[in-house]
Amino acid sequence: MNIIFQYTDWQEIIAGFFFFGVWFGYSRYANHANRRHASLLALNDYYRLQWMQQMIKRKNRMADATMIGNLMRNINFFANTTIFIVLGLMTMLGYHERALGIISAIPFAKSVTPLMWEIKIFLLILIFVYAFFKYTWSIRQYTFAGIFIVSVPAHDDVIENPDEIARKGAYLVGSAAEYFNNGLRAYYYGLAALAWFIHPCFLMIATIWVTLVTYRREFRSKTLKALSHD
């Protein structure tokens, strides 16, 4: 057991590459599966198209505007929270000695050098900055979707290409949802990265656990089965 948990620099390097490799690999797999309509996110594309088709027929589109607003508020909460997380992480850069005393009380935890402590903090900051950019772009795309909905002609007017309008609206909303999903996935892996402060082996275990949980929710969840229209 002591040999397994022996703290060496190469373990840190391997754990870091493993973490980002698994995250990148799973993201590529999930994006490929989305194109095959095999995930929860991709399945909702069908319902987004139905939504836009019904939106064109509605006389009063207040429900559609309210829905867009609710989606934007939910993402705005995560975006604001991300700012506080980044600020907190930046503050932690100067608390190496105090944090070391707390971490040392955890079983199997190993001390880290000030340089390695700063590297791990900066990597966490990059993860949550990445999530922030995904959230804000998602918010902007929902804004564009709201403008698009308002620009659609009235239901009693003659619309020459209703199917094309519905597809465009569904694409805007679907793209916004995809960026939100990417930001949320960064949150999951960011939480897994916290295990790196205890031991690199724990980081790899946490990475595998987060990947399995994320996979199950996106591809094997009961929600996916309930929404399936096959």
Protein backbone atom coordinates (compact mmCIF):
# COMPACT_ATOMS: atom_id res chain seq x y z
CA MET A 1 0.00 0.00 0.00
CA ASN A 2 2.81 2.41 0.86
CA ILE A 3 4.47 1.65 -2.49
CA ILE A 4 1.25 2.39 -4.39
CA PHE A 5 0.73 5.71 -2.68
CA GLN A 6 4.37 6.79 -2.79
CA TYR A 7 4.44 10.39 -3.89
CA THR A 8 6.60 11.09 -6.93
CA ASP A 9 6.62 13.79 -9.58
CA TRP A 10 5.98 11.35 -12.42
CA GLN A 11 2.78 10.29 -10.70
CA GLU A 12 1.63 13.90 -10.82
CA ILE A 13 2.42 14.10 -14.52
CA ILE A 14 0.68 10.82 -15.33
CA ALA A 15 -2.37 11.79 -13.29
CA GLY A 16 -2.61 15.16 -15.03
CA PHE A 17 -2.38 13.66 -18.51
CA PHE A 18 -4.84 10.95 -17.54
CA PHE A 19 -7.34 13.53 -16.27
CA PHE A 20 -7.27 15.73 -19.36
CA GLY A 21 -7.01 12.74 -21.71
CA VAL A 22 -10.14 11.12 -20.30
CA TRP A 23 -12.03 14.41 -20.31
CA PHE A 24 -11.06 15.15 -23.92
CA GLY A 25 -11.71 11.57 -25.01
CA TYR A 26 -15.13 11.40 -23.41
CA SER A 27 -16.08 14.79 -24.88
CA ARG A 28 -15.13 13.58 -28.35
CA TYR A 29 -17.13 10.40 -27.85
CA ALA A 30 -20.16 12.31 -26.54
CA ASN A 31 -20.08 14.75 -29.47
CA HIS A 32 -19.88 11.85 -31.93
CA ALA A 33 -22.80 10.12 -30.19
CA ASN A 34 -24.82 13.33 -30.33
CA ARG A 35 -24.53 13.33 -34.10
CA ARG A 36 -26.01 9.82 -34.05
CA HIS A 37 -28.87 11.01 -31.80
CA ALA A 38 -27.93 8.52 -29.11
CA SER A 39 -27.72 10.82 -26.09
CA LEU A 40 -30.10 12.75 -23.89
CA LEU A 41 -28.94 16.05 -25.37
CA ALA A 42 -29.40 14.84 -28.93
CA LEU A 43 -32.80 13.31 -28.20
CA ASN A 44 -34.05 16.70 -27.06
CA ASP A 45 -33.35 18.04 -30.54
CA TYR A 46 -36.57 16.30 -31.57
CA TYR A 47 -38.53 18.13 -28.88
CA ARG A 48 -36.87 21.43 -29.69
CA LEU A 49 -38.02 21.05 -33.29
CA GLN A 50 -41.53 20.24 -32.07
CA TRP A 51 -41.37 23.32 -29.85
CA MET A 52 -40.50 25.60 -32.76
CA GLN A 53 -43.14 24.06 -34.99
CA GLN A 54 -45.77 24.74 -32.34
CA MET A 55 -44.35 28.22 -31.73
CA ILE A 56 -45.06 29.19 -35.34
CA LYS A 57 -48.70 28.17 -34.95
CA ARG A 58 -49.27 29.98 -31.64
CA LYS A 59 -51.07 33.29 -31.60
CA ASN A 60 -49.55 34.31 -28.27
CA ARG A 61 -45.87 33.45 -27.94
CA MET A 62 -45.48 34.60 -24.37
CA ALA A 63 -44.87 31.00 -23.26
CA ASP A 64 -41.95 30.72 -25.67
CA ALA A 65 -40.39 33.97 -24.46
CA THR A 66 -40.86 32.88 -20.84
CA MET A 67 -39.19 29.54 -21.56
CA ILE A 68 -36.17 31.25 -23.13
CA GLY A 69 -35.96 33.59 -20.14
CA ASN A 70 -36.07 30.71 -17.65
CA LEU A 71 -33.30 28.87 -19.49
CA MET A 72 -31.15 32.00 -19.51
CA ARG A 73 -31.67 32.59 -15.79
CA ASN A 74 -30.60 29.04 -14.96
CA ILE A 75 -27.39 29.38 -16.95
CA ASN A 76 -26.77 32.87 -15.61
CA PHE A 77 -26.75 31.38 -12.10
CA PHE A 78 -23.95 29.00 -13.08
CA ALA A 79 -22.02 31.77 -14.84
CA ASN A 80 -22.18 34.01 -11.76
CA THR A 81 -21.20 31.11 -9.51
CA THR A 82 -18.21 30.40 -11.73
CA ILE A 83 -16.90 33.92 -11.18
CA PHE A 84 -16.97 33.41 -7.40
CA ILE A 85 -15.24 30.04 -7.77
CA VAL A 86 -12.44 31.58 -9.83
CA LEU A 87 -12.02 34.39 -7.31
CA GLY A 88 -11.89 31.84 -4.48
CA LEU A 89 -9.27 29.79 -6.30
CA MET A 90 -7.13 32.86 -6.88
CA THR A 91 -7.30 33.59 -3.16
CA MET A 92 -6.12 30.05 -2.40
CA LEU A 93 -2.81 30.73 -4.14
CA GLY A 94 -1.57 32.48 -1.03
CA TYR A 95 -2.77 29.87 1.46
CA HIS A 96 -0.41 27.01 0.71
CA GLU A 97 0.86 26.55 4.26
CA ARG A 98 -2.58 26.74 5.86
CA ALA A 99 -4.14 24.37 3.30
CA LEU A 100 -1.23 21.99 3.73
CA GLY A 101 -2.05 21.62 7.40
CA ILE A 102 -5.65 20.74 6.56
CA ILE A 103 -4.77 18.29 3.77
CA SER A 104 -2.12 16.54 5.88
CA ALA A 105 -4.86 15.38 8.26
CA ILE A 106 -6.51 13.39 5.44
CA PRO A 107 -5.46 9.70 5.20
CA PHE A 108 -3.04 8.97 2.33
CA ALA A 109 -2.69 12.71 1.61
CA LYS A 110 0.77 13.88 0.64
CA SER A 111 2.26 17.32 0.92
CA VAL A 112 3.00 19.31 -2.21
CA THR A 113 5.60 21.92 -3.01
CA PRO A 114 4.50 25.55 -3.39
CA LEU A 115 5.13 25.29 -7.14
CA MET A 116 2.95 22.19 -7.55
CA TRP A 117 0.27 23.81 -5.39
CA GLU A 118 0.17 26.83 -7.72
CA ILE A 119 0.12 24.61 -10.82
CA LYS A 120 -2.91 22.69 -9.53
CA ILE A 121 -4.72 25.89 -8.56
CA PHE A 122 -4.04 27.45 -11.97
CA LEU A 123 -5.32 24.33 -13.74
CA LEU A 124 -8.52 24.52 -11.70
CA ILE A 125 -8.84 28.18 -12.60
CA LEU A 126 -8.47 27.32 -16.30
CA ILE A 127 -11.16 24.65 -16.01
CA PHE A 128 -13.69 27.03 -14.50
CA VAL A 129 -12.75 29.86 -16.86
CA TYR A 130 -13.44 27.40 -19.68
CA ALA A 131 -16.83 26.66 -18.11
CA PHE A 132 -17.55 30.40 -17.79
CA PHE A 133 -16.95 30.96 -21.50
CA LYS A 134 -19.25 28.05 -22.35
CA TYR A 135 -22.01 29.41 -20.11
CA THR A 136 -21.80 32.97 -21.43
CA TRP A 137 -21.86 31.81 -25.05
CA SER A 138 -24.87 29.66 -24.22
CA ILE A 139 -26.62 32.71 -22.74
CA ARG A 140 -25.88 34.74 -25.86
CA GLN A 141 -27.27 32.04 -28.11
CA TYR A 142 -30.48 31.91 -26.07
CA THR A 143 -30.63 35.68 -26.56
CA PHE A 144 -30.34 35.17 -30.29
CA ALA A 145 -33.04 32.50 -30.11
CA GLY A 146 -35.34 34.94 -28.30
CA ILE A 147 -34.77 37.56 -30.98
CA PHE A 148 -35.42 34.93 -33.66
CA ILE A 149 -38.74 33.94 -32.05
CA VAL A 150 -39.88 37.55 -31.91
CA SER A 151 -38.97 38.01 -35.59
CA VAL A 152 -41.16 35.12 -36.77
CA PRO A 153 -44.26 36.40 -38.61
CA ALA A 154 -47.63 36.20 -36.90
CA HIS A 155 -49.41 32.86 -36.96
CA ASP A 156 -52.19 34.11 -39.23
CA ASP A 157 -49.74 35.49 -41.82
CA VAL A 158 -48.71 33.44 -44.81
CA ILE A 159 -45.34 31.83 -44.00
CA GLU A 160 -43.62 30.42 -47.05
CA ASN A 161 -41.03 28.26 -45.28
CA PRO A 162 -42.33 27.23 -41.83
CA ASP A 163 -40.18 24.09 -41.72
CA GLU A 164 -37.00 26.06 -42.37
CA ILE A 165 -37.93 28.57 -39.66
CA ALA A 166 -38.59 25.76 -37.19
CA ARG A 167 -35.25 24.11 -38.00
CA LYS A 168 -33.36 27.37 -37.52
CA GLY A 169 -35.02 28.02 -34.19
CA ALA A 170 -34.40 24.46 -33.02
CA TYR A 171 -30.74 24.74 -34.05
CA LEU A 172 -30.24 27.96 -32.06
CA VAL A 173 -31.79 26.50 -28.92
CA GLY A 174 -30.00 23.19 -29.40
CA SER A 175 -26.62 24.86 -29.84
CA ALA A 176 -27.17 26.91 -26.67
CA ALA A 177 -28.07 23.73 -24.78
CA GLU A 178 -24.93 22.00 -26.05
CA TYR A 179 -22.66 24.78 -24.78
CA PHE A 180 -24.42 24.72 -21.44
CA ASN A 181 -23.90 20.98 -21.29
CA ASN A 182 -20.18 21.42 -22.01
CA GLY A 183 -19.90 23.96 -19.22
CA LEU A 184 -21.71 21.65 -16.82
CA ARG A 185 -19.38 18.80 -17.79
CA ALA A 186 -16.42 21.07 -16.97
CA TYR A 187 -17.95 21.54 -13.52
CA TYR A 188 -18.06 17.77 -13.02
CA TYR A 189 -14.44 17.32 -14.00
CA GLY A 190 -13.44 20.39 -12.02
CA LEU A 191 -14.87 18.75 -8.91
CA ALA A 192 -12.96 15.58 -9.75
CA ALA A 193 -9.76 17.63 -10.00
CA LEU A 194 -10.12 18.54 -6.32
CA ALA A 195 -8.99 14.99 -5.52
CA TRP A 196 -5.61 15.91 -7.00
CA PHE A 197 -4.83 17.92 -3.87
CA ILE A 198 -5.00 14.71 -1.84
CA HIS A 199 -3.11 12.33 -4.12
CA PRO A 200 -2.66 11.80 -7.89
CA CYS A 201 -4.09 8.29 -7.59
CA PHE A 202 -7.26 9.76 -6.12
CA LEU A 203 -7.45 12.12 -9.10
CA MET A 204 -7.48 9.19 -11.52
CA ILE A 205 -10.12 7.38 -9.46
CA ALA A 206 -12.28 10.51 -9.28
CA THR A 207 -11.88 11.05 -13.03
CA ILE A 208 -13.10 7.55 -13.82
CA TRP A 209 -16.01 7.92 -11.39
CA VAL A 210 -17.12 11.25 -12.87
CA THR A 211 -16.87 9.86 -16.40
CA LEU A 212 -19.02 6.85 -15.53
CA VAL A 213 -21.62 9.01 -13.79
CA THR A 214 -21.72 11.45 -16.69
CA TYR A 215 -21.98 8.64 -19.24
CA ARG A 216 -24.83 7.00 -17.37
CA ARG A 217 -26.78 10.25 -17.16
CA GLU A 218 -26.29 11.14 -20.81
CA PHE A 219 -26.64 7.71 -22.41
CA ARG A 220 -28.21 5.25 -19.96
CA SER A 221 -30.51 7.27 -17.71
CA LYS A 222 -34.18 6.63 -17.01
CA THR A 223 -34.88 10.14 -18.27
CA LEU A 224 -33.47 9.18 -21.67
CA LYS A 225 -35.74 6.13 -21.79
CA ALA A 226 -38.77 8.19 -20.76
CA LEU A 227 -38.17 10.80 -23.47
CA SER A 228 -37.40 8.27 -26.18
CA HIS A 229 -39.98 8.35 -28.96
CA ASP A 230 -38.97 5.06 -30.59
